[in-house]
PDB file of N, CA and C in Angstrom:
ATOM      1  N   MET A   1      34.121 105.504 173.222  1.00  0.00           N
ATOM      2  CA  MET A   1      34.004 103.749 173.149  1.00  0.00           C
ATOM      3  C   MET A   1      34.255 103.149 172.149  1.00  0.00           C
ATOM      4  N   ALA A   2      34.774 102.178 172.173  1.00  0.00           N
ATOM      5  CA  ALA A   2      34.689 101.232 170.792  1.00  0.00           C
ATOM      6  C   ALA A   2      33.509 100.996 170.375  1.00  0.00           C
ATOM      7  N   LYS A   3      33.531 100.622 169.058  1.00  0.00           N
ATOM      8  CA  LYS A   3      32.161 100.168 168.329  1.00  0.00           C
ATOM      9  C   LYS A   3      32.371  98.586 168.283  1.00  0.00           C
ATOM     10  N   ARG A   4      31.284  98.234 168.907  1.00  0.00           N
ATOM     11  CA  ARG A   4      31.656  96.693 169.013  1.00  0.00           C
ATOM     12  C   ARG A   4      30.100  96.154 169.391  1.00  0.00           C
ATOM     13  N   LYS A   5      30.305  94.691 169.182  1.00  0.00           N
ATOM     14  CA  LYS A   5      29.005  93.758 168.908  1.00  0.00           C
ATOM     15  C   LYS A   5      28.142  94.020 170.215  1.00  0.00           C
ATOM     16  N   ASN A   6      26.733  93.647 169.812  1.00  0.00           N
ATOM     17  CA  ASN A   6      25.976  93.813 171.001  1.00  0.00           C
ATOM     18  C   ASN A   6      26.153  93.153 171.861  1.00  0.00           C
ATOM     19  N   SER A   7      25.828  93.304 173.606  1.00  0.00           N
ATOM     20  CA  SER A   7      26.034  92.531 174.401  1.00  0.00           C
ATOM     21  C   SER A   7      24.637  91.629 174.787  1.00  0.00           C
ATOM     22  N   THR A   8      24.648  90.569 175.389  1.00  0.00           N
ATOM     23  CA  THR A   8      23.354  89.847 175.173  1.00  0.00           C
ATOM     24  C   THR A   8      23.367  89.741 177.011  1.00  0.00           C
ATOM     25  N   ALA A   9      22.000  89.098 177.376  1.00  0.00           N
ATOM     26  CA  ALA A   9      21.431  89.380 178.551  1.00  0.00           C
ATOM     27  C   ALA A   9      22.287  88.114 179.420  1.00  0.00           C
ATOM     28  N   ASP A  10      23.533  87.203 178.749  1.00  0.00           N
ATOM     29  CA  ASP A  10      23.906  85.883 179.443  1.00  0.00           C
ATOM     30  C   ASP A  10      25.509  86.634 179.757  1.00  0.00           C
ATOM     31  N   ASP A  11      25.500  87.979 179.632  1.00  0.00           N
ATOM     32  CA  ASP A  11      26.790  88.317 179.610  1.00  0.00           C
ATOM     33  C   ASP A  11      27.750  88.572 181.522  1.00  0.00           C
ATOM     34  N   ASN A  12      26.428  88.332 182.318  1.00  0.00           N
ATOM     35  CA  ASN A  12      26.956  87.966 183.828  1.00  0.00           C
ATOM     36  C   ASN A  12      27.572  86.862 183.823  1.00  0.00           C
ATOM     37  N   ASP A  13      27.540  85.657 182.840  1.00  0.00           N
ATOM     38  CA  ASP A  13      28.012  84.499 183.277  1.00  0.00           C
ATOM     39  C   ASP A  13      29.241  84.300 182.117  1.00  0.00           C
ATOM     40  N   LEU A  14      30.262  85.447 182.452  1.00  0.00           N
ATOM     41  CA  LEU A  14      31.506  85.305 181.309  1.00  0.00           C
ATOM     42  C   LEU A  14      32.216  84.302 181.979  1.00  0.00           C
ATOM     43  N   SER A  15      32.999  83.621 180.491  1.00  0.00           N
ATOM     44  CA  SER A  15      34.009  82.995 180.769  1.00  0.00           C
ATOM     45  C   SER A  15      35.031  83.236 179.450  1.00  0.00           C
ATOM     46  N   SER A  16      36.255  82.599 179.652  1.00  0.00           N
ATOM     47  CA  SER A  16      37.185  82.610 178.549  1.00  0.00           C
ATOM     48  C   SER A  16      37.013  81.886 177.497  1.00  0.00           C
ATOM     49  N   GLU A  17      35.712  80.820 177.955  1.00  0.00           N
ATOM     50  CA  GLU A  17      34.972  79.995 177.065  1.00  0.00           C
ATOM     51  C   GLU A  17      34.449  80.687 175.555  1.00  0.00           C
ATOM     52  N   ASP A  18      33.866  81.948 176.023  1.00  0.00           N
ATOM     53  CA  ASP A  18      33.258  82.722 174.915  1.00  0.00           C
ATOM     54  C   ASP A  18      34.683  83.741 173.883  1.00  0.00           C
ATOM     55  N   ALA A  19      35.902  83.347 174.280  1.00  0.00           N
ATOM     56  CA  ALA A  19      37.206  83.895 173.671  1.00  0.00           C
ATOM     57  C   ALA A  19      37.419  83.897 172.525  1.00  0.00           C
ATOM     58  N   HIS A  20      37.976  84.968 171.771  1.00  0.00           N
ATOM     59  CA  HIS A  20      38.017  84.384 170.441  1.00  0.00           C
ATOM     60  C   HIS A  20      39.443  83.347 170.430  1.00  0.00           C
ATOM     61  N   PRO A  21      39.322  82.394 169.654  1.00  0.00           N
ATOM     62  CA  PRO A  21      40.715  81.525 169.858  1.00  0.00           C
ATOM     63  C   PRO A  21      41.918  82.003 169.532  1.00  0.00           C
ATOM     64  N   GLN A  22      42.435  83.008 169.213  1.00  0.00           N
ATOM     65  CA  GLN A  22      43.355  83.269 168.712  1.00  0.00           C
ATOM     66  C   GLN A  22      43.566  84.437 170.431  1.00  0.00           C
ATOM     67  N   PHE A  23      42.507  84.967 170.994  1.00  0.00           N
ATOM     68  CA  PHE A  23      42.987  85.816 172.130  1.00  0.00           C
ATOM     69  C   PHE A  23      42.299  84.794 173.243  1.00  0.00           C
ATOM     70  N   GLY A  24      42.880  85.269 174.348  1.00  0.00           N
ATOM     71  CA  GLY A  24      42.358  84.649 175.392  1.00  0.00           C
ATOM     72  C   GLY A  24      41.114  85.058 176.004  1.00  0.00           C
ATOM     73  N   ILE A  25      40.622  86.081 175.563  1.00  0.00           N
ATOM     74  CA  ILE A  25      39.713  86.921 176.451  1.00  0.00           C
ATOM     75  C   ILE A  25      38.559  87.228 175.107  1.00  0.00           C
ATOM     76  N   SER A  26      37.263  87.568 175.943  1.00  0.00           N
ATOM     77  CA  SER A  26      36.266  87.834 175.092  1.00  0.00           C
ATOM     78  C   SER A  26      35.758  89.372 175.183  1.00  0.00           C
ATOM     79  N   ILE A  27      35.374  90.088 174.248  1.00  0.00           N
ATOM     80  CA  ILE A  27      34.886  91.218 174.124  1.00  0.00           C
ATOM     81  C   ILE A  27      34.109  91.665 175.563  1.00  0.00           C
ATOM     82  N   GLN A  28      33.230  90.712 175.801  1.00  0.00           N
ATOM     83  CA  GLN A  28      32.065  91.028 177.137  1.00  0.00           C
ATOM     84  C   GLN A  28      33.002  90.796 178.320  1.00  0.00           C
ATOM     85  N   GLU A  29      34.119  90.166 178.229  1.00  0.00           N
ATOM     86  CA  GLU A  29      34.851  90.106 179.442  1.00  0.00           C
ATOM     87  C   GLU A  29      35.499  91.574 179.654  1.00  0.00           C
ATOM     88  N   LEU A  30      36.180  91.891 178.542  1.00  0.00           N
ATOM     89  CA  LEU A  30      36.819  93.015 178.818  1.00  0.00           C
ATOM     90  C   LEU A  30      35.772  94.220 178.989  1.00  0.00           C
ATOM     91  N   GLU A  31      34.553  94.342 178.480  1.00  0.00           N
ATOM     92  CA  GLU A  31      33.773  95.284 178.919  1.00  0.00           C
ATOM     93  C   GLU A  31      33.775  95.333 180.296  1.00  0.00           C
ATOM     94  N   LYS A  32      33.450  93.994 180.621  1.00  0.00           N
ATOM     95  CA  LYS A  32      32.832  94.179 182.262  1.00  0.00           C
ATOM     96  C   LYS A  32      34.243  94.484 183.067  1.00  0.00           C
ATOM     97  N   LEU A  33      35.560  94.294 182.656  1.00  0.00           N
ATOM     98  CA  LEU A  33      36.854  94.962 183.366  1.00  0.00           C
ATOM     99  C   LEU A  33      36.720  96.161 183.479  1.00  0.00           C
ATOM    100  N   MET A  34      36.323  96.434 182.371  1.00  0.00           N
ATOM    101  CA  MET A  34      36.390  98.426 182.427  1.00  0.00           C
ATOM    102  C   MET A  34      35.299  98.976 183.102  1.00  0.00           C
ATOM    103  N   GLN A  35      34.311  98.152 183.522  1.00  0.00           N
ATOM    104  CA  GLN A  35      32.773  98.803 183.892  1.00  0.00           C
ATOM    105  C   GLN A  35      33.175  98.850 185.303  1.00  0.00           C
ATOM    106  N   THR A  36      33.893  97.602 185.712  1.00  0.00           N
ATOM    107  CA  THR A  36      34.133  97.320 187.546  1.00  0.00           C
ATOM    108  C   THR A  36      35.108  98.331 187.886  1.00  0.00           C
ATOM    109  N   ARG A  37      35.086  98.906 188.922  1.00  0.00           N
ATOM    110  CA  ARG A  37      35.755  99.815 189.527  1.00  0.00           C
ATOM    111  C   ARG A  37      36.177  99.550 190.816  1.00  0.00           C
ATOM    112  N   GLY A  38      37.183 100.463 191.533  1.00  0.00           N
ATOM    113  CA  GLY A  38      37.691 100.166 192.816  1.00  0.00           C
ATOM    114  C   GLY A  38      38.451  98.942 192.914  1.00  0.00           C
ATOM    115  N   HIS A  39      38.040  98.394 194.558  1.00  0.00           N
ATOM    116  CA  HIS A  39      38.914  96.980 194.885  1.00  0.00           C
ATOM    117  C   HIS A  39      38.379  95.767 194.276  1.00  0.00           C
ATOM    118  N   GLU A  40      37.308  95.569 193.627  1.00  0.00           N
ATOM    119  CA  GLU A  40      36.632  94.884 192.959  1.00  0.00           C
ATOM    120  C   GLU A  40      37.417  94.665 191.502  1.00  0.00           C
ATOM    121  N   SER A  41      37.741  95.611 190.781  1.00  0.00           N
ATOM    122  CA  SER A  41      38.189  95.478 189.636  1.00  0.00           C
ATOM    123  C   SER A  41      39.702  95.054 189.545  1.00  0.00           C
ATOM    124  N   ILE A  42      40.395  95.303 190.728  1.00  0.00           N
ATOM    125  CA  ILE A  42      42.250  95.113 190.959  1.00  0.00           C
ATOM    126  C   ILE A  42      41.858  93.435 191.108  1.00  0.00           C
ATOM    127  N   LYS A  43      40.710  93.079 192.127  1.00  0.00           N
ATOM    128  CA  LYS A  43      40.694  91.660 192.935  1.00  0.00           C
ATOM    129  C   LYS A  43      40.437  90.801 190.906  1.00  0.00           C
ATOM    130  N   GLU A  44      39.427  91.177 190.198  1.00  0.00           N
ATOM    131  CA  GLU A  44      39.077  90.541 189.478  1.00  0.00           C
ATOM    132  C   GLU A  44      40.246  90.383 188.247  1.00  0.00           C
ATOM    133  N   LEU A  45      40.912  91.376 188.198  1.00  0.00           N
ATOM    134  CA  LEU A  45      42.039  91.444 187.178  1.00  0.00           C
ATOM    135  C   LEU A  45      43.252  90.376 187.939  1.00  0.00           C
ATOM    136  N   LYS A  46      43.445  90.562 188.378  1.00  0.00           N
ATOM    137  CA  LYS A  46      44.481  89.428 189.572  1.00  0.00           C
ATOM    138  C   LYS A  46      43.720  87.875 189.228  1.00  0.00           C
ATOM    139  N   GLU A  47      42.730  87.804 189.921  1.00  0.00           N
ATOM    140  CA  GLU A  47      42.457  86.423 190.093  1.00  0.00           C
ATOM    141  C   GLU A  47      41.821  85.854 188.892  1.00  0.00           C
ATOM    142  N   ILE A  48      41.091  86.415 187.946  1.00  0.00           N
ATOM    143  CA  ILE A  48      40.576  86.123 186.775  1.00  0.00           C
ATOM    144  C   ILE A  48      41.469  85.929 185.454  1.00  0.00           C
ATOM    145  N   HIS A  49      42.325  87.096 185.503  1.00  0.00           N
ATOM    146  CA  HIS A  49      43.041  87.393 183.806  1.00  0.00           C
ATOM    147  C   HIS A  49      44.540  87.327 184.559  1.00  0.00           C
ATOM    148  N   GLY A  50      44.837  87.172 185.647  1.00  0.00           N
ATOM    149  CA  GLY A  50      46.429  86.917 185.975  1.00  0.00           C
ATOM    150  C   GLY A  50      47.184  88.125 186.031  1.00  0.00           C
ATOM    151  N   GLY A  51      46.230  89.305 186.495  1.00  0.00           N
ATOM    152  CA  GLY A  51      46.990  90.801 186.297  1.00  0.00           C
ATOM    153  C   GLY A  51      47.187  90.978 185.023  1.00  0.00           C
ATOM    154  N   LEU A  52      48.198  92.272 185.088  1.00  0.00           N
ATOM    155  CA  LEU A  52      48.058  92.708 183.522  1.00  0.00           C
ATOM    156  C   LEU A  52      49.007  92.419 182.888  1.00  0.00           C
ATOM    157  N   SER A  53      49.839  91.478 183.563  1.00  0.00           N
ATOM    158  CA  SER A  53      50.613  90.712 182.560  1.00  0.00           C
ATOM    159  C   SER A  53      49.778  89.330 181.712  1.00  0.00           C
ATOM    160  N   GLY A  54      48.755  88.992 182.459  1.00  0.00           N
ATOM    161  CA  GLY A  54      47.686  88.137 181.969  1.00  0.00           C
ATOM    162  C   GLY A  54      46.865  88.617 180.954  1.00  0.00           C
ATOM    163  N   ILE A  55      46.663  89.933 181.036  1.00  0.00           N
ATOM    164  CA  ILE A  55      45.851  90.655 180.081  1.00  0.00           C
ATOM    165  C   ILE A  55      46.624  90.852 178.550  1.00  0.00           C
ATOM    166  N   GLU A  56      48.103  91.114 179.024  1.00  0.00           N
ATOM    167  CA  GLU A  56      48.727  91.419 178.206  1.00  0.00           C
ATOM    168  C   GLU A  56      49.078  89.977 177.199  1.00  0.00           C
ATOM    169  N   GLN A  57      48.935  88.939 177.618  1.00  0.00           N
ATOM    170  CA  GLN A  57      49.373  87.930 177.111  1.00  0.00           C
ATOM    171  C   GLN A  57      47.780  87.435 176.127  1.00  0.00           C
ATOM    172  N   LYS A  58      46.820  87.720 176.818  1.00  0.00           N
ATOM    173  CA  LYS A  58      45.536  87.381 176.508  1.00  0.00           C
ATOM    174  C   LYS A  58      45.345  88.108 175.137  1.00  0.00           C
ATOM    175  N   LEU A  59      45.667  89.490 175.018  1.00  0.00           N
ATOM    176  CA  LEU A  59      45.570  90.328 173.938  1.00  0.00           C
ATOM    177  C   LEU A  59      46.865  90.008 173.152  1.00  0.00           C
ATOM    178  N   LYS A  60      47.838  89.461 173.310  1.00  0.00           N
ATOM    179  CA  LYS A  60      49.006  89.123 172.566  1.00  0.00           C
ATOM    180  C   LYS A  60      49.447  90.804 172.047  1.00  0.00           C
ATOM    181  N   THR A  61      49.831  91.585 173.166  1.00  0.00           N
ATOM    182  CA  THR A  61      50.353  92.909 173.088  1.00  0.00           C
ATOM    183  C   THR A  61      51.626  93.052 173.749  1.00  0.00           C
ATOM    184  N   ASN A  62      52.109  94.103 173.808  1.00  0.00           N
ATOM    185  CA  ASN A  62      53.156  94.475 174.718  1.00  0.00           C
ATOM    186  C   ASN A  62      52.791  95.742 175.406  1.00  0.00           C
ATOM    187  N   LEU A  63      53.078  95.643 177.176  1.00  0.00           N
ATOM    188  CA  LEU A  63      52.978  96.816 177.507  1.00  0.00           C
ATOM    189  C   LEU A  63      53.812  97.980 177.511  1.00  0.00           C
ATOM    190  N   ILE A  64      55.039  97.615 176.945  1.00  0.00           N
ATOM    191  CA  ILE A  64      55.844  98.716 176.401  1.00  0.00           C
ATOM    192  C   ILE A  64      55.897  99.187 175.195  1.00  0.00           C
ATOM    193  N   THR A  65      55.609  98.372 174.144  1.00  0.00           N
ATOM    194  CA  THR A  65      55.693  98.632 172.761  1.00  0.00           C
ATOM    195  C   THR A  65      54.359  98.475 172.129  1.00  0.00           C
ATOM    196  N   GLY A  66      53.373  98.120 172.346  1.00  0.00           N
ATOM    197  CA  GLY A  66      52.258  98.319 172.014  1.00  0.00           C
ATOM    198  C   GLY A  66      51.716  97.170 171.261  1.00  0.00           C
ATOM    199  N   LEU A  67      51.078  96.985 170.047  1.00  0.00           N
ATOM    200  CA  LEU A  67      50.566  96.310 169.057  1.00  0.00           C
ATOM    201  C   LEU A  67      52.059  96.494 168.053  1.00  0.00           C
ATOM    202  N   SER A  68      51.340  95.353 167.132  1.00  0.00           N
ATOM    203  CA  SER A  68      52.503  95.107 166.117  1.00  0.00           C
ATOM    204  C   SER A  68      52.687  95.944 165.109  1.00  0.00           C
ATOM    205  N   GLY A  69      51.305  96.341 164.884  1.00  0.00           N
ATOM    206  CA  GLY A  69      51.236  97.495 163.749  1.00  0.00           C
ATOM    207  C   GLY A  69      50.881  96.617 162.254  1.00  0.00           C
ATOM    208  N   LYS A  70      51.297  95.107 162.384  1.00  0.00           N
ATOM    209  CA  LYS A  70      51.028  94.404 161.133  1.00  0.00           C
ATOM    210  C   LYS A  70      49.602  94.513 160.819  1.00  0.00           C
ATOM    211  N   GLU A  71      49.302  94.742 159.268  1.00  0.00           N
ATOM    212  CA  GLU A  71      47.658  94.715 158.707  1.00  0.00           C
ATOM    213  C   GLU A  71      46.895  93.750 159.308  1.00  0.00           C
ATOM    214  N   ILE A  72      47.477  92.458 159.248  1.00  0.00           N
ATOM    215  CA  ILE A  72      46.717  91.107 159.558  1.00  0.00           C
ATOM    216  C   ILE A  72      46.474  91.105 160.612  1.00  0.00           C
ATOM    217  N   ASP A  73      47.099  91.477 161.979  1.00  0.00           N
ATOM    218  CA  ASP A  73      46.877  91.830 162.806  1.00  0.00           C
ATOM    219  C   ASP A  73      45.871  92.674 163.467  1.00  0.00           C
ATOM    220  N   LEU A  74      45.973  94.066 163.052  1.00  0.00           N
ATOM    221  CA  LEU A  74      44.975  94.952 162.990  1.00  0.00           C
ATOM    222  C   LEU A  74      43.886  94.298 162.842  1.00  0.00           C
ATOM    223  N   SER A  75      43.989  93.594 161.385  1.00  0.00           N
ATOM    224  CA  SER A  75      42.151  93.565 161.103  1.00  0.00           C
ATOM    225  C   SER A  75      41.655  92.534 162.033  1.00  0.00           C
ATOM    226  N   THR A  76      42.579  91.243 162.497  1.00  0.00           N
ATOM    227  CA  THR A  76      42.040  90.546 163.400  1.00  0.00           C
ATOM    228  C   THR A  76      41.545  91.223 164.404  1.00  0.00           C
ATOM    229  N   ARG A  77      42.257  91.597 164.838  1.00  0.00           N
ATOM    230  CA  ARG A  77      41.805  92.420 166.101  1.00  0.00           C
ATOM    231  C   ARG A  77      40.329  93.556 166.032  1.00  0.00           C
ATOM    232  N   ILE A  78      40.228  94.063 165.104  1.00  0.00           N
ATOM    233  CA  ILE A  78      39.146  94.859 164.451  1.00  0.00           C
ATOM    234  C   ILE A  78      37.717  94.066 164.548  1.00  0.00           C
ATOM    235  N   ALA A  79      38.095  92.663 163.659  1.00  0.00           N
ATOM    236  CA  ALA A  79      37.074  91.845 163.690  1.00  0.00           C
ATOM    237  C   ALA A  79      36.465  91.231 164.772  1.00  0.00           C
ATOM    238  N   THR A  80      37.494  91.237 165.541  1.00  0.00           N
ATOM    239  CA  THR A  80      36.910  90.205 166.882  1.00  0.00           C
ATOM    240  C   THR A  80      36.457  91.227 167.845  1.00  0.00           C
ATOM    241  N   PHE A  81      37.058  92.646 168.270  1.00  0.00           N
ATOM    242  CA  PHE A  81      36.754  93.457 169.109  1.00  0.00           C
ATOM    243  C   PHE A  81      35.947  94.741 168.502  1.00  0.00           C
ATOM    244  N   GLY A  82      36.080  94.887 167.377  1.00  0.00           N
ATOM    245  CA  GLY A  82      35.403  96.341 166.885  1.00  0.00           C
ATOM    246  C   GLY A  82      36.638  97.719 166.806  1.00  0.00           C
ATOM    247  N   ARG A  83      36.367  98.636 165.860  1.00  0.00           N
ATOM    248  CA  ARG A  83      36.898  99.676 165.953  1.00  0.00           C
ATOM    249  C   ARG A  83      37.469 100.582 167.440  1.00  0.00           C
ATOM    250  N   ASN A  84      38.479 100.825 167.688  1.00  0.00           N
ATOM    251  CA  ASN A  84      38.319 101.617 168.899  1.00  0.00           C
ATOM    252  C   ASN A  84      38.393 103.087 168.388  1.00  0.00           C
ATOM    253  N   GLU A  85      37.482 103.231 168.493  1.00  0.00           N
ATOM    254  CA  GLU A  85      37.291 104.862 168.282  1.00  0.00           C
ATOM    255  C   GLU A  85      36.006 105.464 169.003  1.00  0.00           C
ATOM    256  N   ILE A  86      35.786 106.469 169.409  1.00  0.00           N
ATOM    257  CA  ILE A  86      35.033 107.186 170.144  1.00  0.00           C
ATOM    258  C   ILE A  86      33.986 107.956 169.216  1.00  0.00           C
ATOM    259  N   PRO A  87      32.612 107.504 169.325  1.00  0.00           N
ATOM    260  CA  PRO A  87      31.867 108.107 168.162  1.00  0.00           C
ATOM    261  C   PRO A  87      31.775 109.601 168.369  1.00  0.00           C
ATOM    262  N   GLN A  88      31.413 110.351 167.022  1.00  0.00           N
ATOM    263  CA  GLN A  88      31.294 112.074 167.409  1.00  0.00           C
ATOM    264  C   GLN A  88      29.998 112.335 167.829  1.00  0.00           C
ATOM    265  N   LYS A  89      29.880 113.332 168.938  1.00  0.00           N
ATOM    266  CA  LYS A  89      28.475 113.818 169.522  1.00  0.00           C
ATOM    267  C   LYS A  89      28.422 114.833 168.279  1.00  0.00           C
ATOM    268  N   SER A  90      26.841 114.876 168.158  1.00  0.00           N
ATOM    269  CA  SER A  90      26.448 116.005 167.084  1.00  0.00           C
ATOM    270  C   SER A  90      26.805 117.294 167.757  1.00  0.00           C
ATOM    271  N   PRO A  91      26.845 118.030 166.985  1.00  0.00           N
ATOM    272  CA  PRO A  91      27.556 119.325 167.656  1.00  0.00           C
ATOM    273  C   PRO A  91      26.096 120.217 167.937  1.00  0.00           C
ATOM    274  N   LEU A  92      26.128 120.899 169.031  1.00  0.00           N
ATOM    275  CA  LEU A  92      24.915 121.405 169.892  1.00  0.00           C
ATOM    276  C   LEU A  92      24.667 122.663 168.959  1.00  0.00           C
ATOM    277  N   THR A  93      23.580 122.729 168.330  1.00  0.00           N
ATOM    278  CA  THR A  93      23.042 123.915 167.829  1.00  0.00           C
ATOM    279  C   THR A  93      22.826 125.206 168.445  1.00  0.00           C
ATOM    280  N   PHE A  94      22.430 126.267 167.724  1.00  0.00           N
ATOM    281  CA  PHE A  94      22.341 127.387 168.367  1.00  0.00           C
ATOM    282  C   PHE A  94      20.971 127.581 168.850  1.00  0.00           C
ATOM    283  N   LEU A  95      19.799 127.144 168.109  1.00  0.00           N
ATOM    284  CA  LEU A  95      18.515 127.061 168.874  1.00  0.00           C
ATOM    285  C   LEU A  95      18.465 125.714 169.463  1.00  0.00           C
ATOM    286  N   CYS A  96      18.903 125.477 170.582  1.00  0.00           N
ATOM    287  CA  CYS A  96      18.665 123.889 171.433  1.00  0.00           C
ATOM    288  C   CYS A  96      17.326 123.749 171.494  1.00  0.00           C
TER     289      CYS A  96
END
């Protein structure tokens, strides 16, 4: 999971008002979308975010080609959403 800003107790009341001005979606909205499963997630994706094309537009990306790769774009995304990396787990020791 990506390193991210800490969520608050008000995350249940999410709106695009909290979104970064350059992107039409907040990190809290992305987290909620990723945590929602099944029919509820499809409904939310379509109704709130305009489907995949809506997310594509909000994140200023392309479903086929991905991100531009420009340094300024990447640094803005990292500053806004955090790094997209999975934290390494500590290796198990022989004497658990």
